[in-house]
Amino acid sequence: MSWRVGLLIAIAGGVLGADEALAQTVAPVPASDEQGVRCADDAFWRAFNACDAAAMADYFTEDVEFYQDLTGLTRTRSAVVASLIKGPCGTPGLHLRGES
């Protein structure tokens, strides 16, 4: 068998195996987990729209990284919260909402 035939067999096997791996089902998320995430999401957006820096900070890890197309990369919890307070919270009448 030539190396080309061997390569084709290896590629075909990889492609067929990939189909099987992609076809696996994902376990459903328990309703309690989903409800917890939805509650946390709602609480974050309430804090965001109230410009409550301390409450917003609770939802970020210390090593958070946030990229915004106008301001670029912001790193750390305190820097991200300060950016949100200066930016969106500094815009009178702005009200954002999360969608799920």
PDB file of N, CA and C in Angstrom:
ATOM      1  N   MET A   1       0.855  -1.166   0.000  1.00  0.00           N
ATOM      2  CA  MET A   1       0.000   0.000   0.000  1.00  0.00           C
ATOM      3  C   MET A   1       0.902   1.230   0.000  1.00  0.00           C
ATOM      4  N   SER A   2       0.580   2.174  -0.872  1.00  0.00           N
ATOM      5  CA  SER A   2       1.394   3.383  -0.950  1.00  0.00           C
ATOM      6  C   SER A   2       1.073   4.300   0.226  1.00  0.00           C
ATOM      7  N   TRP A   3       1.954   5.240   0.474  1.00  0.00           N
ATOM      8  CA  TRP A   3       1.734   6.182   1.569  1.00  0.00           C
ATOM      9  C   TRP A   3       0.511   7.054   1.303  1.00  0.00           C
ATOM     10  N   ARG A   4       0.175   7.296   0.036  1.00  0.00           N
ATOM     11  CA  ARG A   4      -1.002   8.115  -0.288  1.00  0.00           C
ATOM     12  C   ARG A   4      -2.297   7.399   0.106  1.00  0.00           C
ATOM     13  N   VAL A   5      -2.343   6.109  -0.174  1.00  0.00           N
ATOM     14  CA  VAL A   5      -3.526   5.331   0.196  1.00  0.00           C
ATOM     15  C   VAL A   5      -3.654   5.298   1.718  1.00  0.00           C
ATOM     16  N   GLY A   6      -2.548   5.100   2.406  1.00  0.00           N
ATOM     17  CA  GLY A   6      -2.559   5.100   3.866  1.00  0.00           C
ATOM     18  C   GLY A   6      -3.027   6.433   4.426  1.00  0.00           C
ATOM     19  N   LEU A   7      -2.567   7.516   3.809  1.00  0.00           N
ATOM     20  CA  LEU A   7      -2.977   8.853   4.243  1.00  0.00           C
ATOM     21  C   LEU A   7      -4.474   9.046   4.026  1.00  0.00           C
ATOM     22  N   LEU A   8      -4.980   8.623   2.881  1.00  0.00           N
ATOM     23  CA  LEU A   8      -6.415   8.744   2.603  1.00  0.00           C
ATOM     24  C   LEU A   8      -7.249   7.940   3.593  1.00  0.00           C
ATOM     25  N   ILE A   9      -6.782   6.746   3.935  1.00  0.00           N
ATOM     26  CA  ILE A   9      -7.497   5.920   4.909  1.00  0.00           C
ATOM     27  C   ILE A   9      -7.497   6.606   6.273  1.00  0.00           C
ATOM     28  N   ALA A  10      -6.367   7.172   6.670  1.00  0.00           N
ATOM     29  CA  ALA A  10      -6.276   7.866   7.957  1.00  0.00           C
ATOM     30  C   ALA A  10      -7.200   9.081   7.990  1.00  0.00           C
ATOM     31  N   ILE A  11      -7.224   9.838   6.899  1.00  0.00           N
ATOM     32  CA  ILE A  11      -8.090  11.018   6.834  1.00  0.00           C
ATOM     33  C   ILE A  11      -9.555  10.600   6.882  1.00  0.00           C
ATOM     34  N   ALA A  12      -9.914   9.581   6.099  1.00  0.00           N
ATOM     35  CA  ALA A  12     -11.302   9.103   6.086  1.00  0.00           C
ATOM     36  C   ALA A  12     -11.720   8.624   7.471  1.00  0.00           C
ATOM     37  N   GLY A  13     -10.849   7.907   8.144  1.00  0.00           N
ATOM     38  CA  GLY A  13     -11.159   7.442   9.496  1.00  0.00           C
ATOM     39  C   GLY A  13     -11.346   8.593  10.460  1.00  0.00           C
ATOM     40  N   GLY A  14     -10.519   9.613  10.323  1.00  0.00           N
ATOM     41  CA  GLY A  14     -10.650  10.789  11.178  1.00  0.00           C
ATOM     42  C   GLY A  14     -11.948  11.526  10.943  1.00  0.00           C
ATOM     43  N   VAL A  15     -12.329  11.652   9.680  1.00  0.00           N
ATOM     44  CA  VAL A  15     -13.582  12.329   9.348  1.00  0.00           C
ATOM     45  C   VAL A  15     -14.771  11.541   9.872  1.00  0.00           C
ATOM     46  N   LEU A  16     -14.765  10.231   9.674  1.00  0.00           N
ATOM     47  CA  LEU A  16     -15.872   9.407  10.158  1.00  0.00           C
ATOM     48  C   LEU A  16     -15.943   9.429  11.679  1.00  0.00           C
ATOM     49  N   GLY A  17     -14.810   9.404  12.331  1.00  0.00           N
ATOM     50  CA  GLY A  17     -14.778   9.470  13.786  1.00  0.00           C
ATOM     51  C   GLY A  17     -15.264  10.808  14.306  1.00  0.00           C
ATOM     52  N   ALA A  18     -14.972  11.871  13.574  1.00  0.00           N
ATOM     53  CA  ALA A  18     -15.414  13.204  13.985  1.00  0.00           C
ATOM     54  C   ALA A  18     -16.931  13.297  13.942  1.00  0.00           C
ATOM     55  N   ASP A  19     -17.546  12.699  12.924  1.00  0.00           N
ATOM     56  CA  ASP A  19     -19.007  12.706  12.839  1.00  0.00           C
ATOM     57  C   ASP A  19     -19.623  12.045  14.062  1.00  0.00           C
ATOM     58  N   GLU A  20     -19.046  10.920  14.463  1.00  0.00           N
ATOM     59  CA  GLU A  20     -19.571  10.202  15.617  1.00  0.00           C
ATOM     60  C   GLU A  20     -19.408  11.032  16.886  1.00  0.00           C
ATOM     61  N   ALA A  21     -18.265  11.688  17.042  1.00  0.00           N
ATOM     62  CA  ALA A  21     -18.026  12.512  18.227  1.00  0.00           C
ATOM     63  C   ALA A  21     -18.979  13.699  18.266  1.00  0.00           C
ATOM     64  N   LEU A  22     -19.238  14.305  17.118  1.00  0.00           N
ATOM     65  CA  LEU A  22     -20.135  15.453  17.065  1.00  0.00           C
ATOM     66  C   LEU A  22     -21.585  15.059  17.291  1.00  0.00           C
ATOM     67  N   ALA A  23     -21.925  13.814  17.034  1.00  0.00           N
ATOM     68  CA  ALA A  23     -23.304  13.354  17.163  1.00  0.00           C
ATOM     69  C   ALA A  23     -23.680  13.028  18.601  1.00  0.00           C
ATOM     70  N   GLN A  24     -22.731  13.042  19.514  1.00  0.00           N
ATOM     71  CA  GLN A  24     -23.031  12.711  20.896  1.00  0.00           C
ATOM     72  C   GLN A  24     -23.970  13.753  21.485  1.00  0.00           C
ATOM     73  N   THR A  25     -24.866  13.297  22.314  1.00  0.00           N
ATOM     74  CA  THR A  25     -25.814  14.218  22.924  1.00  0.00           C
ATOM     75  C   THR A  25     -25.216  14.829  24.182  1.00  0.00           C
ATOM     76  N   VAL A  26     -25.659  16.026  24.480  1.00  0.00           N
ATOM     77  CA  VAL A  26     -25.215  16.736  25.675  1.00  0.00           C
ATOM     78  C   VAL A  26     -26.275  16.528  26.748  1.00  0.00           C
ATOM     79  N   ALA A  27     -25.829  16.259  27.953  1.00  0.00           N
ATOM     80  CA  ALA A  27     -26.769  16.056  29.052  1.00  0.00           C
ATOM     81  C   ALA A  27     -27.549  17.343  29.301  1.00  0.00           C
ATOM     82  N   PRO A  28     -28.840  17.240  29.548  1.00  0.00           N
ATOM     83  CA  PRO A  28     -29.630  18.448  29.806  1.00  0.00           C
ATOM     84  C   PRO A  28     -29.191  19.121  31.105  1.00  0.00           C
ATOM     85  N   VAL A  29     -29.317  20.425  31.133  1.00  0.00           N
ATOM     86  CA  VAL A  29     -28.957  21.198  32.322  1.00  0.00           C
ATOM     87  C   VAL A  29     -30.110  21.089  33.316  1.00  0.00           C
ATOM     88  N   PRO A  30     -29.820  20.732  34.564  1.00  0.00           N
ATOM     89  CA  PRO A  30     -30.896  20.662  35.554  1.00  0.00           C
ATOM     90  C   PRO A  30     -31.597  22.015  35.686  1.00  0.00           C
ATOM     91  N   ALA A  31     -32.906  21.985  35.882  1.00  0.00           N
ATOM     92  CA  ALA A  31     -33.692  23.216  35.984  1.00  0.00           C
ATOM     93  C   ALA A  31     -33.174  24.111  37.102  1.00  0.00           C
ATOM     94  N   SER A  32     -32.700  23.504  38.194  1.00  0.00           N
ATOM     95  CA  SER A  32     -32.203  24.312  39.311  1.00  0.00           C
ATOM     96  C   SER A  32     -30.950  25.089  38.917  1.00  0.00           C
ATOM     97  N   ASP A  33     -30.076  24.488  38.105  1.00  0.00           N
ATOM     98  CA  ASP A  33     -28.881  25.194  37.628  1.00  0.00           C
ATOM     99  C   ASP A  33     -29.275  26.337  36.712  1.00  0.00           C
ATOM    100  N   GLU A  34     -30.191  26.060  35.802  1.00  0.00           N
ATOM    101  CA  GLU A  34     -30.626  27.098  34.870  1.00  0.00           C
ATOM    102  C   GLU A  34     -31.274  28.253  35.628  1.00  0.00           C
ATOM    103  N   GLN A  35     -32.094  27.937  36.605  1.00  0.00           N
ATOM    104  CA  GLN A  35     -32.756  28.982  37.388  1.00  0.00           C
ATOM    105  C   GLN A  35     -31.726  29.812  38.152  1.00  0.00           C
ATOM    106  N   GLY A  36     -30.711  29.169  38.683  1.00  0.00           N
ATOM    107  CA  GLY A  36     -29.660  29.897  39.392  1.00  0.00           C
ATOM    108  C   GLY A  36     -28.914  30.858  38.488  1.00  0.00           C
ATOM    109  N   VAL A  37     -28.609  30.408  37.278  1.00  0.00           N
ATOM    110  CA  VAL A  37     -27.918  31.271  36.314  1.00  0.00           C
ATOM    111  C   VAL A  37     -28.813  32.440  35.926  1.00  0.00           C
ATOM    112  N   ARG A  38     -30.091  32.166  35.682  1.00  0.00           N
ATOM    113  CA  ARG A  38     -31.023  33.239  35.303  1.00  0.00           C
ATOM    114  C   ARG A  38     -31.171  34.266  36.430  1.00  0.00           C
ATOM    115  N   CYS A  39     -31.215  33.810  37.669  1.00  0.00           N
ATOM    116  CA  CYS A  39     -31.317  34.732  38.812  1.00  0.00           C
ATOM    117  C   CYS A  39     -30.065  35.596  38.926  1.00  0.00           C
ATOM    118  N   ALA A  40     -28.895  34.981  38.764  1.00  0.00           N
ATOM    119  CA  ALA A  40     -27.643  35.743  38.825  1.00  0.00           C
ATOM    120  C   ALA A  40     -27.566  36.746  37.681  1.00  0.00           C
ATOM    121  N   ASP A  41     -27.992  36.339  36.496  1.00  0.00           N
ATOM    122  CA  ASP A  41     -28.001  37.233  35.339  1.00  0.00           C
ATOM    123  C   ASP A  41     -28.908  38.430  35.602  1.00  0.00           C
ATOM    124  N   ASP A  42     -30.097  38.170  36.120  1.00  0.00           N
ATOM    125  CA  ASP A  42     -31.042  39.244  36.427  1.00  0.00           C
ATOM    126  C   ASP A  42     -30.462  40.193  37.479  1.00  0.00           C
ATOM    127  N   ALA A  43     -29.843  39.637  38.509  1.00  0.00           N
ATOM    128  CA  ALA A  43     -29.254  40.466  39.567  1.00  0.00           C
ATOM    129  C   ALA A  43     -28.111  41.321  39.026  1.00  0.00           C
ATOM    130  N   PHE A  44     -27.287  40.750  38.128  1.00  0.00           N
ATOM    131  CA  PHE A  44     -26.205  41.546  37.545  1.00  0.00           C
ATOM    132  C   PHE A  44     -26.765  42.731  36.775  1.00  0.00           C
ATOM    133  N   TRP A  45     -27.769  42.495  35.934  1.00  0.00           N
ATOM    134  CA  TRP A  45     -28.307  43.592  35.118  1.00  0.00           C
ATOM    135  C   TRP A  45     -29.015  44.637  35.970  1.00  0.00           C
ATOM    136  N   ARG A  46     -29.627  44.233  37.079  1.00  0.00           N
ATOM    137  CA  ARG A  46     -30.200  45.229  38.000  1.00  0.00           C
ATOM    138  C   ARG A  46     -29.085  46.088  38.582  1.00  0.00           C
ATOM    139  N   ALA A  47     -27.985  45.458  38.997  1.00  0.00           N
ATOM    140  CA  ALA A  47     -26.844  46.210  39.538  1.00  0.00           C
ATOM    141  C   ALA A  47     -26.243  47.117  38.472  1.00  0.00           C
ATOM    142  N   PHE A  48     -26.120  46.606  37.261  1.00  0.00           N
ATOM    143  CA  PHE A  48     -25.558  47.387  36.160  1.00  0.00           C
ATOM    144  C   PHE A  48     -26.404  48.624  35.893  1.00  0.00           C
ATOM    145  N   ASN A  49     -27.710  48.444  35.767  1.00  0.00           N
ATOM    146  CA  ASN A  49     -28.587  49.575  35.454  1.00  0.00           C
ATOM    147  C   ASN A  49     -28.733  50.547  36.615  1.00  0.00           C
ATOM    148  N   ALA A  50     -28.442  50.091  37.838  1.00  0.00           N
ATOM    149  CA  ALA A  50     -28.434  50.984  38.998  1.00  0.00           C
ATOM    150  C   ALA A  50     -27.058  51.618  39.190  1.00  0.00           C
ATOM    151  N   CYS A  51     -26.095  51.231  38.358  1.00  0.00           N
ATOM    152  CA  CYS A  51     -24.698  51.692  38.471  1.00  0.00           C
ATOM    153  C   CYS A  51     -24.145  51.418  39.863  1.00  0.00           C
ATOM    154  N   ASP A  52     -24.462  50.253  40.386  1.00  0.00           N
ATOM    155  CA  ASP A  52     -24.008  49.822  41.704  1.00  0.00           C
ATOM    156  C   ASP A  52     -22.681  49.075  41.539  1.00  0.00           C
ATOM    157  N   ALA A  53     -21.585  49.809  41.698  1.00  0.00           N
ATOM    158  CA  ALA A  53     -20.251  49.254  41.451  1.00  0.00           C
ATOM    159  C   ALA A  53     -19.962  48.042  42.331  1.00  0.00           C
ATOM    160  N   ALA A  54     -20.300  48.128  43.610  1.00  0.00           N
ATOM    161  CA  ALA A  54     -20.004  47.022  44.528  1.00  0.00           C
ATOM    162  C   ALA A  54     -20.774  45.762  44.138  1.00  0.00           C
ATOM    163  N   ALA A  55     -22.036  45.920  43.778  1.00  0.00           N
ATOM    164  CA  ALA A  55     -22.838  44.756  43.389  1.00  0.00           C
ATOM    165  C   ALA A  55     -22.343  44.169  42.071  1.00  0.00           C
ATOM    166  N   MET A  56     -21.970  45.023  41.112  1.00  0.00           N
ATOM    167  CA  MET A  56     -21.441  44.515  39.838  1.00  0.00           C
ATOM    168  C   MET A  56     -20.150  43.743  40.063  1.00  0.00           C
ATOM    169  N   ALA A  57     -19.298  44.249  40.937  1.00  0.00           N
ATOM    170  CA  ALA A  57     -17.991  43.631  41.182  1.00  0.00           C
ATOM    171  C   ALA A  57     -18.127  42.194  41.670  1.00  0.00           C
ATOM    172  N   ASP A  58     -19.207  41.906  42.376  1.00  0.00           N
ATOM    173  CA  ASP A  58     -19.431  40.546  42.883  1.00  0.00           C
ATOM    174  C   ASP A  58     -19.544  39.510  41.770  1.00  0.00           C
ATOM    175  N   TYR A  59     -19.851  39.945  40.568  1.00  0.00           N
ATOM    176  CA  TYR A  59     -20.062  39.013  39.460  1.00  0.00           C
ATOM    177  C   TYR A  59     -18.830  38.812  38.586  1.00  0.00           C
ATOM    178  N   PHE A  60     -17.718  39.439  38.949  1.00  0.00           N
ATOM    179  CA  PHE A  60     -16.480  39.293  38.189  1.00  0.00           C
ATOM    180  C   PHE A  60     -15.403  38.666  39.059  1.00  0.00           C
ATOM    181  N   THR A  61     -14.564  37.829  38.453  1.00  0.00           N
ATOM    182  CA  THR A  61     -13.391  37.328  39.162  1.00  0.00           C
ATOM    183  C   THR A  61     -12.319  38.412  39.123  1.00  0.00           C
ATOM    184  N   GLU A  62     -11.333  38.300  39.980  1.00  0.00           N
ATOM    185  CA  GLU A  62     -10.268  39.310  40.019  1.00  0.00           C
ATOM    186  C   GLU A  62      -9.515  39.365  38.697  1.00  0.00           C
ATOM    187  N   ASP A  63      -9.398  38.235  38.000  1.00  0.00           N
ATOM    188  CA  ASP A  63      -8.616  38.199  36.761  1.00  0.00           C
ATOM    189  C   ASP A  63      -9.481  38.341  35.498  1.00  0.00           C
ATOM    190  N   VAL A  64     -10.638  38.986  35.625  1.00  0.00           N
ATOM    191  CA  VAL A  64     -11.529  39.178  34.479  1.00  0.00           C
ATOM    192  C   VAL A  64     -10.827  39.975  33.378  1.00  0.00           C
ATOM    193  N   GLU A  65     -11.150  39.643  32.141  1.00  0.00           N
ATOM    194  CA  GLU A  65     -10.690  40.415  30.986  1.00  0.00           C
ATOM    195  C   GLU A  65     -11.921  40.747  30.159  1.00  0.00           C
ATOM    196  N   PHE A  66     -12.061  42.004  29.798  1.00  0.00           N
ATOM    197  CA  PHE A  66     -13.213  42.459  29.025  1.00  0.00           C
ATOM    198  C   PHE A  66     -12.700  43.240  27.828  1.00  0.00           C
ATOM    199  N   TYR A  67     -13.200  42.902  26.652  1.00  0.00           N
ATOM    200  CA  TYR A  67     -12.782  43.618  25.449  1.00  0.00           C
ATOM    201  C   TYR A  67     -13.975  44.352  24.876  1.00  0.00           C
ATOM    202  N   GLN A  68     -13.799  45.638  24.667  1.00  0.00           N
ATOM    203  CA  GLN A  68     -14.827  46.476  24.059  1.00  0.00           C
ATOM    204  C   GLN A  68     -14.223  47.091  22.813  1.00  0.00           C
ATOM    205  N   ASP A  69     -14.984  47.138  21.730  1.00  0.00           N
ATOM    206  CA  ASP A  69     -14.408  47.566  20.452  1.00  0.00           C
ATOM    207  C   ASP A  69     -13.911  49.007  20.446  1.00  0.00           C
ATOM    208  N   LEU A  70     -14.418  49.863  21.301  1.00  0.00           N
ATOM    209  CA  LEU A  70     -13.954  51.255  21.331  1.00  0.00           C
ATOM    210  C   LEU A  70     -12.802  51.476  22.307  1.00  0.00           C
ATOM    211  N   THR A  71     -12.868  50.820  23.455  1.00  0.00           N
ATOM    212  CA  THR A  71     -11.850  51.060  24.486  1.00  0.00           C
ATOM    213  C   THR A  71     -10.776  49.983  24.546  1.00  0.00           C
ATOM    214  N   GLY A  72     -10.988  48.862  23.876  1.00  0.00           N
ATOM    215  CA  GLY A  72      -9.990  47.801  23.866  1.00  0.00           C
ATOM    216  C   GLY A  72     -10.084  46.901  25.081  1.00  0.00           C
ATOM    217  N   LEU A  73      -8.954  46.308  25.446  1.00  0.00           N
ATOM    218  CA  LEU A  73      -8.889  45.322  26.521  1.00  0.00           C
ATOM    219  C   LEU A  73      -8.785  45.991  27.884  1.00  0.00           C
ATOM    220  N   THR A  74      -9.616  45.534  28.810  1.00  0.00           N
ATOM    221  CA  THR A  74      -9.562  45.986  30.197  1.00  0.00           C
ATOM    222  C   THR A  74      -9.378  44.748  31.052  1.00  0.00           C
ATOM    223  N   ARG A  75      -8.413  44.807  31.956  1.00  0.00           N
ATOM    224  CA  ARG A  75      -8.120  43.665  32.832  1.00  0.00           C
ATOM    225  C   ARG A  75      -8.322  44.049  34.293  1.00  0.00           C
ATOM    226  N   THR A  76      -8.688  43.118  35.079  1.00  0.00           N
ATOM    227  CA  THR A  76      -8.928  43.138  36.526  1.00  0.00           C
ATOM    228  C   THR A  76     -10.343  43.608  36.851  1.00  0.00           C
ATOM    229  N   ARG A  77     -10.836  43.082  37.958  1.00  0.00           N
ATOM    230  CA  ARG A  77     -12.188  43.407  38.421  1.00  0.00           C
ATOM    231  C   ARG A  77     -12.358  44.906  38.621  1.00  0.00           C
ATOM    232  N   SER A  78     -11.446  45.524  39.333  1.00  0.00           N
ATOM    233  CA  SER A  78     -11.611  46.953  39.625  1.00  0.00           C
ATOM    234  C   SER A  78     -11.573  47.803  38.363  1.00  0.00           C
ATOM    235  N   ALA A  79     -10.728  47.440  37.402  1.00  0.00           N
ATOM    236  CA  ALA A  79     -10.644  48.211  36.156  1.00  0.00           C
ATOM    237  C   ALA A  79     -11.903  48.044  35.311  1.00  0.00           C
ATOM    238  N   VAL A  80     -12.455  46.835  35.258  1.00  0.00           N
ATOM    239  CA  VAL A  80     -13.684  46.612  34.485  1.00  0.00           C
ATOM    240  C   VAL A  80     -14.841  47.385  35.117  1.00  0.00           C
ATOM    241  N   VAL A  81     -14.979  47.302  36.427  1.00  0.00           N
ATOM    242  CA  VAL A  81     -16.063  48.022  37.099  1.00  0.00           C
ATOM    243  C   VAL A  81     -15.890  49.528  36.913  1.00  0.00           C
ATOM    244  N   ALA A  82     -14.673  50.028  37.051  1.00  0.00           N
ATOM    245  CA  ALA A  82     -14.433  51.465  36.844  1.00  0.00           C
ATOM    246  C   ALA A  82     -14.797  51.877  35.423  1.00  0.00           C
ATOM    247  N   SER A  83     -14.484  51.031  34.456  1.00  0.00           N
ATOM    248  CA  SER A  83     -14.821  51.316  33.065  1.00  0.00           C
ATOM    249  C   SER A  83     -16.334  51.360  32.863  1.00  0.00           C
ATOM    250  N   LEU A  84     -17.055  50.446  33.496  1.00  0.00           N
ATOM    251  CA  LEU A  84     -18.516  50.440  33.380  1.00  0.00           C
ATOM    252  C   LEU A  84     -19.128  51.673  34.042  1.00  0.00           C
ATOM    253  N   ILE A  85     -18.573  52.080  35.172  1.00  0.00           N
ATOM    254  CA  ILE A  85     -19.079  53.268  35.866  1.00  0.00           C
ATOM    255  C   ILE A  85     -18.805  54.520  35.031  1.00  0.00           C
ATOM    256  N   LYS A  86     -17.622  54.601  34.454  1.00  0.00           N
ATOM    257  CA  LYS A  86     -17.253  55.766  33.644  1.00  0.00           C
ATOM    258  C   LYS A  86     -17.995  55.783  32.307  1.00  0.00           C
ATOM    259  N   GLY A  87     -18.124  54.621  31.678  1.00  0.00           N
ATOM    260  CA  GLY A  87     -18.730  54.541  30.347  1.00  0.00           C
ATOM    261  C   GLY A  87     -20.245  54.517  30.386  1.00  0.00           C
ATOM    262  N   PRO A  88     -20.843  53.323  30.443  1.00  0.00           N
ATOM    263  CA  PRO A  88     -22.305  53.240  30.393  1.00  0.00           C
ATOM    264  C   PRO A  88     -23.002  54.010  31.515  1.00  0.00           C
ATOM    265  N   CYS A  89     -22.471  53.933  32.727  1.00  0.00           N
ATOM    266  CA  CYS A  89     -23.115  54.648  33.836  1.00  0.00           C
ATOM    267  C   CYS A  89     -22.934  56.160  33.710  1.00  0.00           C
ATOM    268  N   GLY A  90     -21.946  56.573  32.946  1.00  0.00           N
ATOM    269  CA  GLY A  90     -21.735  57.995  32.710  1.00  0.00           C
ATOM    270  C   GLY A  90     -22.593  58.544  31.584  1.00  0.00           C
ATOM    271  N   THR A  91     -23.442  57.696  31.013  1.00  0.00           N
ATOM    272  CA  THR A  91     -24.324  58.105  29.921  1.00  0.00           C
ATOM    273  C   THR A  91     -25.740  58.236  30.468  1.00  0.00           C
ATOM    274  N   PRO A  92     -26.217  59.473  30.670  1.00  0.00           N
ATOM    275  CA  PRO A  92     -27.555  59.673  31.243  1.00  0.00           C
ATOM    276  C   PRO A  92     -28.643  58.971  30.420  1.00  0.00           C
ATOM    277  N   GLY A  93     -29.534  58.298  31.124  1.00  0.00           N
ATOM    278  CA  GLY A  93     -30.675  57.659  30.481  1.00  0.00           C
ATOM    279  C   GLY A  93     -30.400  56.312  29.844  1.00  0.00           C
ATOM    280  N   LEU A  94     -29.151  55.860  29.864  1.00  0.00           N
ATOM    281  CA  LEU A  94     -28.837  54.569  29.253  1.00  0.00           C
ATOM    282  C   LEU A  94     -29.364  53.444  30.138  1.00  0.00           C
ATOM    283  N   HIS A  95     -30.061  52.516  29.542  1.00  0.00           N
ATOM    284  CA  HIS A  95     -30.579  51.352  30.259  1.00  0.00           C
ATOM    285  C   HIS A  95     -30.360  50.151  29.356  1.00  0.00           C
ATOM    286  N   LEU A  96     -29.574  49.196  29.819  1.00  0.00           N
ATOM    287  CA  LEU A  96     -29.299  47.995  29.036  1.00  0.00           C
ATOM    288  C   LEU A  96     -29.956  46.802  29.695  1.00  0.00           C
ATOM    289  N   ARG A  97     -30.159  45.769  28.916  1.00  0.00           N
ATOM    290  CA  ARG A  97     -30.729  44.546  29.463  1.00  0.00           C
ATOM    291  C   ARG A  97     -30.030  43.352  28.850  1.00  0.00           C
ATOM    292  N   GLY A  98     -29.942  42.305  29.612  1.00  0.00           N
ATOM    293  CA  GLY A  98     -29.401  41.063  29.097  1.00  0.00           C
ATOM    294  C   GLY A  98     -30.525  40.263  28.468  1.00  0.00           C
ATOM    295  N   GLU A  99     -30.201  39.485  27.472  1.00  0.00           N
ATOM    296  CA  GLU A  99     -31.201  38.620  26.849  1.00  0.00           C
ATOM    297  C   GLU A  99     -30.758  37.181  26.999  1.00  0.00           C
ATOM    298  N   SER A 100     -31.706  36.327  27.290  1.00  0.00           N
ATOM    299  CA  SER A 100     -31.369  34.911  27.405  1.00  0.00           C
ATOM    300  C   SER A 100     -32.369  34.079  26.662  1.00  0.00           C
TER     301      SER A 100
END
